[in-house]
Amino acid sequence: MLLDIRQLQHVAAIGRFRNFGRAAESLDISQPALSKSLGVIERALDVRLFERSRKGVTPTTFGELVLARADPLFRGVDEVVAEIRRLRGLEAGSVMGCS
């Protein structure tokens, strides 16, 4: 797989904040670690996801595509985790019959 969930979170944070420092802070990682992670992702995909300038960070067409798809994927993961928790709760609980 080219992107894992952690990497997708990195791209989403950069897209949200449009700034590496603030994105890194929100992820509780260093700015160099975030820059390195993005470099790994861009090399794996063989595209640039963001244009960097003194004014900030702007998504490329490829970056926009990844950002547009990220939120539904995060919601899907959250739904899976919630469903597992519900199922675990049902398995651990007991059912009382009505008389």
PDB file of N, CA and C in Angstrom:
ATOM      1  N   MET A   1       0.849  -1.174   0.000  1.00  0.00           N
ATOM      2  CA  MET A   1       0.000   0.000   0.000  1.00  0.00           C
ATOM      3  C   MET A   1       0.896   1.238   0.000  1.00  0.00           C
ATOM      4  N   LEU A   2       0.563   2.223  -0.802  1.00  0.00           N
ATOM      5  CA  LEU A   2       1.387   3.416  -0.913  1.00  0.00           C
ATOM      6  C   LEU A   2       1.205   4.379   0.245  1.00  0.00           C
ATOM      7  N   LEU A   3       0.013   4.472   0.797  1.00  0.00           N
ATOM      8  CA  LEU A   3      -0.255   5.388   1.905  1.00  0.00           C
ATOM      9  C   LEU A   3      -0.850   4.637   3.077  1.00  0.00           C
ATOM     10  N   ASP A   4      -0.315   4.876   4.271  1.00  0.00           N
ATOM     11  CA  ASP A   4      -0.968   4.327   5.451  1.00  0.00           C
ATOM     12  C   ASP A   4      -1.735   5.456   6.134  1.00  0.00           C
ATOM     13  N   ILE A   5      -2.506   5.134   7.130  1.00  0.00           N
ATOM     14  CA  ILE A   5      -3.378   6.118   7.767  1.00  0.00           C
ATOM     15  C   ILE A   5      -2.575   7.249   8.404  1.00  0.00           C
ATOM     16  N   ARG A   6      -1.427   6.943   8.970  1.00  0.00           N
ATOM     17  CA  ARG A   6      -0.593   7.969   9.586  1.00  0.00           C
ATOM     18  C   ARG A   6      -0.122   8.965   8.535  1.00  0.00           C
ATOM     19  N   GLN A   7       0.314   8.464   7.404  1.00  0.00           N
ATOM     20  CA  GLN A   7       0.762   9.345   6.327  1.00  0.00           C
ATOM     21  C   GLN A   7      -0.388  10.205   5.818  1.00  0.00           C
ATOM     22  N   LEU A   8      -1.556   9.620   5.701  1.00  0.00           N
ATOM     23  CA  LEU A   8      -2.729  10.372   5.261  1.00  0.00           C
ATOM     24  C   LEU A   8      -3.067  11.473   6.262  1.00  0.00           C
ATOM     25  N   GLN A   9      -2.894  11.185   7.547  1.00  0.00           N
ATOM     26  CA  GLN A   9      -3.099  12.214   8.575  1.00  0.00           C
ATOM     27  C   GLN A   9      -2.103  13.352   8.409  1.00  0.00           C
ATOM     28  N   HIS A  10      -0.883  13.036   8.033  1.00  0.00           N
ATOM     29  CA  HIS A  10       0.132  14.060   7.817  1.00  0.00           C
ATOM     30  C   HIS A  10      -0.274  14.972   6.660  1.00  0.00           C
ATOM     31  N   VAL A  11      -0.690  14.371   5.561  1.00  0.00           N
ATOM     32  CA  VAL A  11      -1.115  15.158   4.400  1.00  0.00           C
ATOM     33  C   VAL A  11      -2.330  16.019   4.768  1.00  0.00           C
ATOM     34  N   ALA A  12      -3.277  15.446   5.489  1.00  0.00           N
ATOM     35  CA  ALA A  12      -4.478  16.190   5.874  1.00  0.00           C
ATOM     36  C   ALA A  12      -4.135  17.377   6.771  1.00  0.00           C
ATOM     37  N   ALA A  13      -3.209  17.191   7.688  1.00  0.00           N
ATOM     38  CA  ALA A  13      -2.823  18.292   8.582  1.00  0.00           C
ATOM     39  C   ALA A  13      -2.136  19.408   7.806  1.00  0.00           C
ATOM     40  N   ILE A  14      -1.281  19.060   6.878  1.00  0.00           N
ATOM     41  CA  ILE A  14      -0.632  20.079   6.055  1.00  0.00           C
ATOM     42  C   ILE A  14      -1.685  20.828   5.245  1.00  0.00           C
ATOM     43  N   GLY A  15      -2.625  20.101   4.693  1.00  0.00           N
ATOM     44  CA  GLY A  15      -3.699  20.732   3.932  1.00  0.00           C
ATOM     45  C   GLY A  15      -4.576  21.627   4.787  1.00  0.00           C
ATOM     46  N   ARG A  16      -4.836  21.226   6.013  1.00  0.00           N
ATOM     47  CA  ARG A  16      -5.688  21.996   6.915  1.00  0.00           C
ATOM     48  C   ARG A  16      -5.010  23.291   7.355  1.00  0.00           C
ATOM     49  N   PHE A  17      -3.760  23.190   7.758  1.00  0.00           N
ATOM     50  CA  PHE A  17      -3.063  24.347   8.324  1.00  0.00           C
ATOM     51  C   PHE A  17      -2.312  25.174   7.288  1.00  0.00           C
ATOM     52  N   ARG A  18      -1.996  24.560   6.140  1.00  0.00           N
ATOM     53  CA  ARG A  18      -1.226  25.242   5.083  1.00  0.00           C
ATOM     54  C   ARG A  18       0.089  25.794   5.613  1.00  0.00           C
ATOM     55  N   ASN A  19       0.607  25.089   6.619  1.00  0.00           N
ATOM     56  CA  ASN A  19       1.848  25.511   7.269  1.00  0.00           C
ATOM     57  C   ASN A  19       2.456  24.278   7.943  1.00  0.00           C
ATOM     58  N   PHE A  20       3.716  23.996   7.642  1.00  0.00           N
ATOM     59  CA  PHE A  20       4.353  22.794   8.185  1.00  0.00           C
ATOM     60  C   PHE A  20       4.498  22.852   9.707  1.00  0.00           C
ATOM     61  N   GLY A  21       4.873  24.004  10.230  1.00  0.00           N
ATOM     62  CA  GLY A  21       5.073  24.125  11.673  1.00  0.00           C
ATOM     63  C   GLY A  21       3.793  23.860  12.451  1.00  0.00           C
ATOM     64  N   ARG A  22       2.702  24.508  12.042  1.00  0.00           N
ATOM     65  CA  ARG A  22       1.422  24.309  12.748  1.00  0.00           C
ATOM     66  C   ARG A  22       0.879  22.901  12.540  1.00  0.00           C
ATOM     67  N   ALA A  23       1.063  22.362  11.332  1.00  0.00           N
ATOM     68  CA  ALA A  23       0.615  20.989  11.072  1.00  0.00           C
ATOM     69  C   ALA A  23       1.381  20.005  11.946  1.00  0.00           C
ATOM     70  N   ALA A  24       2.700  20.191  12.029  1.00  0.00           N
ATOM     71  CA  ALA A  24       3.527  19.305  12.856  1.00  0.00           C
ATOM     72  C   ALA A  24       3.114  19.399  14.320  1.00  0.00           C
ATOM     73  N   GLU A  25       2.872  20.606  14.791  1.00  0.00           N
ATOM     74  CA  GLU A  25       2.453  20.797  16.181  1.00  0.00           C
ATOM     75  C   GLU A  25       1.131  20.074  16.452  1.00  0.00           C
ATOM     76  N   SER A  26       0.194  20.167  15.512  1.00  0.00           N
ATOM     77  CA  SER A  26      -1.105  19.502  15.702  1.00  0.00           C
ATOM     78  C   SER A  26      -0.970  17.987  15.758  1.00  0.00           C
ATOM     79  N   LEU A  27       0.058  17.458  15.107  1.00  0.00           N
ATOM     80  CA  LEU A  27       0.307  16.016  15.076  1.00  0.00           C
ATOM     81  C   LEU A  27       1.237  15.558  16.190  1.00  0.00           C
ATOM     82  N   ASP A  28       1.775  16.527  16.935  1.00  0.00           N
ATOM     83  CA  ASP A  28       2.722  16.256  18.010  1.00  0.00           C
ATOM     84  C   ASP A  28       3.992  15.574  17.501  1.00  0.00           C
ATOM     85  N   ILE A  29       4.473  16.073  16.347  1.00  0.00           N
ATOM     86  CA  ILE A  29       5.746  15.619  15.801  1.00  0.00           C
ATOM     87  C   ILE A  29       6.558  16.857  15.429  1.00  0.00           C
ATOM     88  N   SER A  30       7.827  16.667  15.128  1.00  0.00           N
ATOM     89  CA  SER A  30       8.664  17.800  14.744  1.00  0.00           C
ATOM     90  C   SER A  30       8.385  18.185  13.293  1.00  0.00           C
ATOM     91  N   GLN A  31       8.687  19.431  12.972  1.00  0.00           N
ATOM     92  CA  GLN A  31       8.517  19.901  11.595  1.00  0.00           C
ATOM     93  C   GLN A  31       9.432  19.125  10.642  1.00  0.00           C
ATOM     94  N   PRO A  32      10.697  18.865  11.006  1.00  0.00           N
ATOM     95  CA  PRO A  32      11.534  18.058  10.107  1.00  0.00           C
ATOM     96  C   PRO A  32      10.967  16.647   9.877  1.00  0.00           C
ATOM     97  N   ALA A  33      10.380  16.056  10.912  1.00  0.00           N
ATOM     98  CA  ALA A  33       9.790  14.711  10.756  1.00  0.00           C
ATOM     99  C   ALA A  33       8.609  14.760   9.795  1.00  0.00           C
ATOM    100  N   LEU A  34       7.808  15.817   9.885  1.00  0.00           N
ATOM    101  CA  LEU A  34       6.664  15.962   8.973  1.00  0.00           C
ATOM    102  C   LEU A  34       7.150  16.185   7.546  1.00  0.00           C
ATOM    103  N   SER A  35       8.153  17.022   7.376  1.00  0.00           N
ATOM    104  CA  SER A  35       8.714  17.262   6.035  1.00  0.00           C
ATOM    105  C   SER A  35       9.264  15.969   5.439  1.00  0.00           C
ATOM    106  N   LYS A  36       9.954  15.196   6.264  1.00  0.00           N
ATOM    107  CA  LYS A  36      10.505  13.915   5.794  1.00  0.00           C
ATOM    108  C   LYS A  36       9.377  12.958   5.404  1.00  0.00           C
ATOM    109  N   SER A  37       8.327  12.904   6.222  1.00  0.00           N
ATOM    110  CA  SER A  37       7.192  12.035   5.928  1.00  0.00           C
ATOM    111  C   SER A  37       6.553  12.420   4.599  1.00  0.00           C
ATOM    112  N   LEU A  38       6.350  13.715   4.380  1.00  0.00           N
ATOM    113  CA  LEU A  38       5.758  14.158   3.119  1.00  0.00           C
ATOM    114  C   LEU A  38       6.660  13.797   1.949  1.00  0.00           C
ATOM    115  N   GLY A  39       7.961  13.932   2.118  1.00  0.00           N
ATOM    116  CA  GLY A  39       8.889  13.553   1.053  1.00  0.00           C
ATOM    117  C   GLY A  39       8.774  12.079   0.699  1.00  0.00           C
ATOM    118  N   VAL A  40       8.640  11.242   1.715  1.00  0.00           N
ATOM    119  CA  VAL A  40       8.469   9.797   1.495  1.00  0.00           C
ATOM    120  C   VAL A  40       7.181   9.538   0.713  1.00  0.00           C
ATOM    121  N   ILE A  41       6.112  10.212   1.114  1.00  0.00           N
ATOM    122  CA  ILE A  41       4.812  10.033   0.449  1.00  0.00           C
ATOM    123  C   ILE A  41       4.895  10.486  -1.008  1.00  0.00           C
ATOM    124  N   GLU A  42       5.468  11.667  -1.223  1.00  0.00           N
ATOM    125  CA  GLU A  42       5.549  12.196  -2.586  1.00  0.00           C
ATOM    126  C   GLU A  42       6.430  11.314  -3.473  1.00  0.00           C
ATOM    127  N   ARG A  43       7.494  10.775  -2.928  1.00  0.00           N
ATOM    128  CA  ARG A  43       8.340   9.868  -3.720  1.00  0.00           C
ATOM    129  C   ARG A  43       7.581   8.574  -4.044  1.00  0.00           C
ATOM    130  N   ALA A  44       6.832   8.060  -3.085  1.00  0.00           N
ATOM    131  CA  ALA A  44       6.073   6.825  -3.322  1.00  0.00           C
ATOM    132  C   ALA A  44       5.010   7.025  -4.400  1.00  0.00           C
ATOM    133  N   LEU A  45       4.371   8.192  -4.378  1.00  0.00           N
ATOM    134  CA  LEU A  45       3.326   8.485  -5.366  1.00  0.00           C
ATOM    135  C   LEU A  45       3.889   9.063  -6.662  1.00  0.00           C
ATOM    136  N   ASP A  46       5.145   9.497  -6.614  1.00  0.00           N
ATOM    137  CA  ASP A  46       5.825  10.109  -7.753  1.00  0.00           C
ATOM    138  C   ASP A  46       5.122  11.393  -8.230  1.00  0.00           C
ATOM    139  N   VAL A  47       4.620  12.168  -7.261  1.00  0.00           N
ATOM    140  CA  VAL A  47       4.006  13.472  -7.543  1.00  0.00           C
ATOM    141  C   VAL A  47       4.279  14.408  -6.370  1.00  0.00           C
ATOM    142  N   ARG A  48       4.193  15.699  -6.611  1.00  0.00           N
ATOM    143  CA  ARG A  48       4.242  16.692  -5.533  1.00  0.00           C
ATOM    144  C   ARG A  48       2.819  16.936  -5.082  1.00  0.00           C
ATOM    145  N   LEU A  49       2.602  16.873  -3.779  1.00  0.00           N
ATOM    146  CA  LEU A  49       1.264  17.113  -3.239  1.00  0.00           C
ATOM    147  C   LEU A  49       1.060  18.565  -2.845  1.00  0.00           C
ATOM    148  N   PHE A  50       2.146  19.266  -2.548  1.00  0.00           N
ATOM    149  CA  PHE A  50       2.057  20.658  -2.113  1.00  0.00           C
ATOM    150  C   PHE A  50       3.161  21.482  -2.746  1.00  0.00           C
ATOM    151  N   GLU A  51       2.826  22.718  -3.075  1.00  0.00           N
ATOM    152  CA  GLU A  51       3.809  23.708  -3.486  1.00  0.00           C
ATOM    153  C   GLU A  51       4.178  24.490  -2.235  1.00  0.00           C
ATOM    154  N   ARG A  52       5.459  24.639  -2.004  1.00  0.00           N
ATOM    155  CA  ARG A  52       5.928  25.362  -0.827  1.00  0.00           C
ATOM    156  C   ARG A  52       6.410  26.741  -1.264  1.00  0.00           C
ATOM    157  N   SER A  53       6.038  27.763  -0.498  1.00  0.00           N
ATOM    158  CA  SER A  53       6.511  29.118  -0.762  1.00  0.00           C
ATOM    159  C   SER A  53       6.663  29.852   0.565  1.00  0.00           C
ATOM    160  N   ARG A  54       7.166  31.057   0.506  1.00  0.00           N
ATOM    161  CA  ARG A  54       7.311  31.846   1.728  1.00  0.00           C
ATOM    162  C   ARG A  54       5.959  32.172   2.343  1.00  0.00           C
ATOM    163  N   LYS A  55       4.933  32.207   1.520  1.00  0.00           N
ATOM    164  CA  LYS A  55       3.586  32.541   2.001  1.00  0.00           C
ATOM    165  C   LYS A  55       2.869  31.342   2.623  1.00  0.00           C
ATOM    166  N   GLY A  56       3.406  30.167   2.427  1.00  0.00           N
ATOM    167  CA  GLY A  56       2.781  28.981   2.994  1.00  0.00           C
ATOM    168  C   GLY A  56       2.825  27.807   2.045  1.00  0.00           C
ATOM    169  N   VAL A  57       1.870  26.944   2.203  1.00  0.00           N
ATOM    170  CA  VAL A  57       1.813  25.695   1.462  1.00  0.00           C
ATOM    171  C   VAL A  57       0.483  25.647   0.716  1.00  0.00           C
ATOM    172  N   THR A  58       0.537  25.311  -0.558  1.00  0.00           N
ATOM    173  CA  THR A  58      -0.659  25.225  -1.383  1.00  0.00           C
ATOM    174  C   THR A  58      -0.729  23.836  -2.009  1.00  0.00           C
ATOM    175  N   PRO A  59      -1.875  23.164  -1.899  1.00  0.00           N
ATOM    176  CA  PRO A  59      -1.991  21.844  -2.523  1.00  0.00           C
ATOM    177  C   PRO A  59      -1.904  21.930  -4.046  1.00  0.00           C
ATOM    178  N   THR A  60      -1.234  20.976  -4.642  1.00  0.00           N
ATOM    179  CA  THR A  60      -1.252  20.819  -6.093  1.00  0.00           C
ATOM    180  C   THR A  60      -2.563  20.129  -6.458  1.00  0.00           C
ATOM    181  N   THR A  61      -2.772  19.899  -7.721  1.00  0.00           N
ATOM    182  CA  THR A  61      -3.954  19.136  -8.156  1.00  0.00           C
ATOM    183  C   THR A  61      -3.964  17.760  -7.500  1.00  0.00           C
ATOM    184  N   PHE A  62      -2.784  17.147  -7.400  1.00  0.00           N
ATOM    185  CA  PHE A  62      -2.675  15.835  -6.764  1.00  0.00           C
ATOM    186  C   PHE A  62      -2.981  15.933  -5.272  1.00  0.00           C
ATOM    187  N   GLY A  63      -2.482  16.985  -4.642  1.00  0.00           N
ATOM    188  CA  GLY A  63      -2.757  17.206  -3.224  1.00  0.00           C
ATOM    189  C   GLY A  63      -4.242  17.408  -2.968  1.00  0.00           C
ATOM    190  N   GLU A  64      -4.884  18.180  -3.829  1.00  0.00           N
ATOM    191  CA  GLU A  64      -6.330  18.398  -3.695  1.00  0.00           C
ATOM    192  C   GLU A  64      -7.087  17.078  -3.776  1.00  0.00           C
ATOM    193  N   LEU A  65      -6.661  16.207  -4.676  1.00  0.00           N
ATOM    194  CA  LEU A  65      -7.296  14.894  -4.810  1.00  0.00           C
ATOM    195  C   LEU A  65      -7.170  14.096  -3.518  1.00  0.00           C
ATOM    196  N   VAL A  66      -5.968  14.033  -2.964  1.00  0.00           N
ATOM    197  CA  VAL A  66      -5.751  13.289  -1.718  1.00  0.00           C
ATOM    198  C   VAL A  66      -6.565  13.904  -0.588  1.00  0.00           C
ATOM    199  N   LEU A  67      -6.558  15.229  -0.484  1.00  0.00           N
ATOM    200  CA  LEU A  67      -7.307  15.893   0.590  1.00  0.00           C
ATOM    201  C   LEU A  67      -8.807  15.649   0.467  1.00  0.00           C
ATOM    202  N   ALA A  68      -9.327  15.652  -0.752  1.00  0.00           N
ATOM    203  CA  ALA A  68     -10.761  15.422  -0.962  1.00  0.00           C
ATOM    204  C   ALA A  68     -11.171  14.013  -0.544  1.00  0.00           C
ATOM    205  N   ARG A  69     -10.275  13.070  -0.712  1.00  0.00           N
ATOM    206  CA  ARG A  69     -10.584  11.678  -0.371  1.00  0.00           C
ATOM    207  C   ARG A  69     -10.279  11.340   1.083  1.00  0.00           C
ATOM    208  N   ALA A  70      -9.494  12.152   1.761  1.00  0.00           N
ATOM    209  CA  ALA A  70      -9.040  11.828   3.117  1.00  0.00           C
ATOM    210  C   ALA A  70     -10.180  11.811   4.129  1.00  0.00           C
ATOM    211  N   ASP A  71     -11.012  12.840   4.150  1.00  0.00           N
ATOM    212  CA  ASP A  71     -12.071  12.911   5.164  1.00  0.00           C
ATOM    213  C   ASP A  71     -13.022  11.716   5.124  1.00  0.00           C
ATOM    214  N   PRO A  72     -13.510  11.305   3.956  1.00  0.00           N
ATOM    215  CA  PRO A  72     -14.352  10.106   3.942  1.00  0.00           C
ATOM    216  C   PRO A  72     -13.622   8.862   4.458  1.00  0.00           C
ATOM    217  N   LEU A  73     -12.327   8.758   4.164  1.00  0.00           N
ATOM    218  CA  LEU A  73     -11.564   7.612   4.659  1.00  0.00           C
ATOM    219  C   LEU A  73     -11.446   7.647   6.177  1.00  0.00           C
ATOM    220  N   PHE A  74     -11.175   8.836   6.742  1.00  0.00           N
ATOM    221  CA  PHE A  74     -11.102   8.959   8.197  1.00  0.00           C
ATOM    222  C   PHE A  74     -12.441   8.616   8.839  1.00  0.00           C
ATOM    223  N   ARG A  75     -13.523   9.099   8.244  1.00  0.00           N
ATOM    224  CA  ARG A  75     -14.859   8.774   8.782  1.00  0.00           C
ATOM    225  C   ARG A  75     -15.101   7.268   8.723  1.00  0.00           C
ATOM    226  N   GLY A  76     -14.665   6.628   7.630  1.00  0.00           N
ATOM    227  CA  GLY A  76     -14.829   5.180   7.506  1.00  0.00           C
ATOM    228  C   GLY A  76     -14.072   4.429   8.585  1.00  0.00           C
ATOM    229  N   VAL A  77     -12.857   4.857   8.868  1.00  0.00           N
ATOM    230  CA  VAL A  77     -12.064   4.223   9.927  1.00  0.00           C
ATOM    231  C   VAL A  77     -12.752   4.425  11.278  1.00  0.00           C
ATOM    232  N   ASP A  78     -13.217   5.649  11.536  1.00  0.00           N
ATOM    233  CA  ASP A  78     -13.915   5.931  12.797  1.00  0.00           C
ATOM    234  C   ASP A  78     -15.159   5.058  12.942  1.00  0.00           C
ATOM    235  N   GLU A  79     -15.878   4.865  11.841  1.00  0.00           N
ATOM    236  CA  GLU A  79     -17.084   4.037  11.873  1.00  0.00           C
ATOM    237  C   GLU A  79     -16.738   2.579  12.164  1.00  0.00           C
ATOM    238  N   VAL A  80     -15.669   2.089  11.596  1.00  0.00           N
ATOM    239  CA  VAL A  80     -15.245   0.704  11.854  1.00  0.00           C
ATOM    240  C   VAL A  80     -14.896   0.533  13.335  1.00  0.00           C
ATOM    241  N   VAL A  81     -14.137   1.472  13.876  1.00  0.00           N
ATOM    242  CA  VAL A  81     -13.749   1.391  15.287  1.00  0.00           C
ATOM    243  C   VAL A  81     -14.991   1.445  16.173  1.00  0.00           C
ATOM    244  N   ALA A  82     -15.923   2.348  15.871  1.00  0.00           N
ATOM    245  CA  ALA A  82     -17.151   2.457  16.658  1.00  0.00           C
ATOM    246  C   ALA A  82     -17.967   1.164  16.569  1.00  0.00           C
ATOM    247  N   GLU A  83     -18.056   0.595  15.398  1.00  0.00           N
ATOM    248  CA  GLU A  83     -18.810  -0.654  15.222  1.00  0.00           C
ATOM    249  C   GLU A  83     -18.163  -1.795  16.005  1.00  0.00           C
ATOM    250  N   ILE A  84     -16.858  -1.877  15.989  1.00  0.00           N
ATOM    251  CA  ILE A  84     -16.151  -2.915  16.759  1.00  0.00           C
ATOM    252  C   ILE A  84     -16.426  -2.736  18.242  1.00  0.00           C
ATOM    253  N   ARG A  85     -16.372  -1.498  18.713  1.00  0.00           N
ATOM    254  CA  ARG A  85     -16.655  -1.246  20.130  1.00  0.00           C
ATOM    255  C   ARG A  85     -18.085  -1.642  20.484  1.00  0.00           C
ATOM    256  N   ARG A  86     -19.024  -1.333  19.600  1.00  0.00           N
ATOM    257  CA  ARG A  86     -20.416  -1.736  19.850  1.00  0.00           C
ATOM    258  C   ARG A  86     -20.537  -3.252  19.905  1.00  0.00           C
ATOM    259  N   LEU A  87     -19.913  -3.931  18.950  1.00  0.00           N
ATOM    260  CA  LEU A  87     -19.992  -5.395  18.923  1.00  0.00           C
ATOM    261  C   LEU A  87     -19.340  -6.010  20.143  1.00  0.00           C
ATOM    262  N   ARG A  88     -18.213  -5.449  20.556  1.00  0.00           N
ATOM    263  CA  ARG A  88     -17.541  -5.967  21.752  1.00  0.00           C
ATOM    264  C   ARG A  88     -18.430  -5.779  22.975  1.00  0.00           C
ATOM    265  N   GLY A  89     -19.116  -4.660  23.049  1.00  0.00           N
ATOM    266  CA  GLY A  89     -20.022  -4.401  24.159  1.00  0.00           C
ATOM    267  C   GLY A  89     -21.179  -5.381  24.180  1.00  0.00           C
ATOM    268  N   LEU A  90     -21.688  -5.706  23.004  1.00  0.00           N
ATOM    269  CA  LEU A  90     -22.784  -6.663  22.915  1.00  0.00           C
ATOM    270  C   LEU A  90     -22.323  -8.059  23.321  1.00  0.00           C
ATOM    271  N   GLU A  91     -21.112  -8.435  22.909  1.00  0.00           N
ATOM    272  CA  GLU A  91     -20.595  -9.754  23.246  1.00  0.00           C
ATOM    273  C   GLU A  91     -20.300  -9.878  24.733  1.00  0.00           C
ATOM    274  N   ALA A  92     -19.880  -8.783  25.354  1.00  0.00           N
ATOM    275  CA  ALA A  92     -19.504  -8.829  26.761  1.00  0.00           C
ATOM    276  C   ALA A  92     -20.721  -8.723  27.680  1.00  0.00           C
ATOM    277  N   GLY A  93     -21.812  -8.179  27.161  1.00  0.00           N
ATOM    278  CA  GLY A  93     -22.998  -7.975  27.982  1.00  0.00           C
ATOM    279  C   GLY A  93     -23.872  -9.216  28.026  1.00  0.00           C
ATOM    280  N   SER A  94     -24.957  -9.090  28.749  1.00  0.00           N
ATOM    281  CA  SER A  94     -25.891 -10.207  28.802  1.00  0.00           C
ATOM    282  C   SER A  94     -27.272  -9.709  28.413  1.00  0.00           C
ATOM    283  N   VAL A  95     -28.067 -10.605  27.922  1.00  0.00           N
ATOM    284  CA  VAL A  95     -29.426 -10.278  27.525  1.00  0.00           C
ATOM    285  C   VAL A  95     -30.367 -10.864  28.556  1.00  0.00           C
ATOM    286  N   MET A  96     -31.233 -10.015  29.079  1.00  0.00           N
ATOM    287  CA  MET A  96     -32.190 -10.481  30.057  1.00  0.00           C
ATOM    288  C   MET A  96     -33.535 -10.668  29.375  1.00  0.00           C
ATOM    289  N   GLY A  97     -34.149 -11.814  29.598  1.00  0.00           N
ATOM    290  CA  GLY A  97     -35.435 -12.090  28.982  1.00  0.00           C
ATOM    291  C   GLY A  97     -36.571 -11.380  29.699  1.00  0.00           C
ATOM    292  N   CYS A  98     -37.614 -11.126  28.962  1.00  0.00           N
ATOM    293  CA  CYS A  98     -38.815 -10.511  29.543  1.00  0.00           C
ATOM    294  C   CYS A  98     -39.818 -11.614  29.843  1.00  0.00           C
ATOM    295  N   SER A  99     -40.497 -11.490  30.982  1.00  0.00           N
ATOM    296  CA  SER A  99     -41.496 -12.501  31.342  1.00  0.00           C
ATOM    297  C   SER A  99     -42.878 -11.980  31.087  1.00  0.00           C
TER     298      SER A  99
END
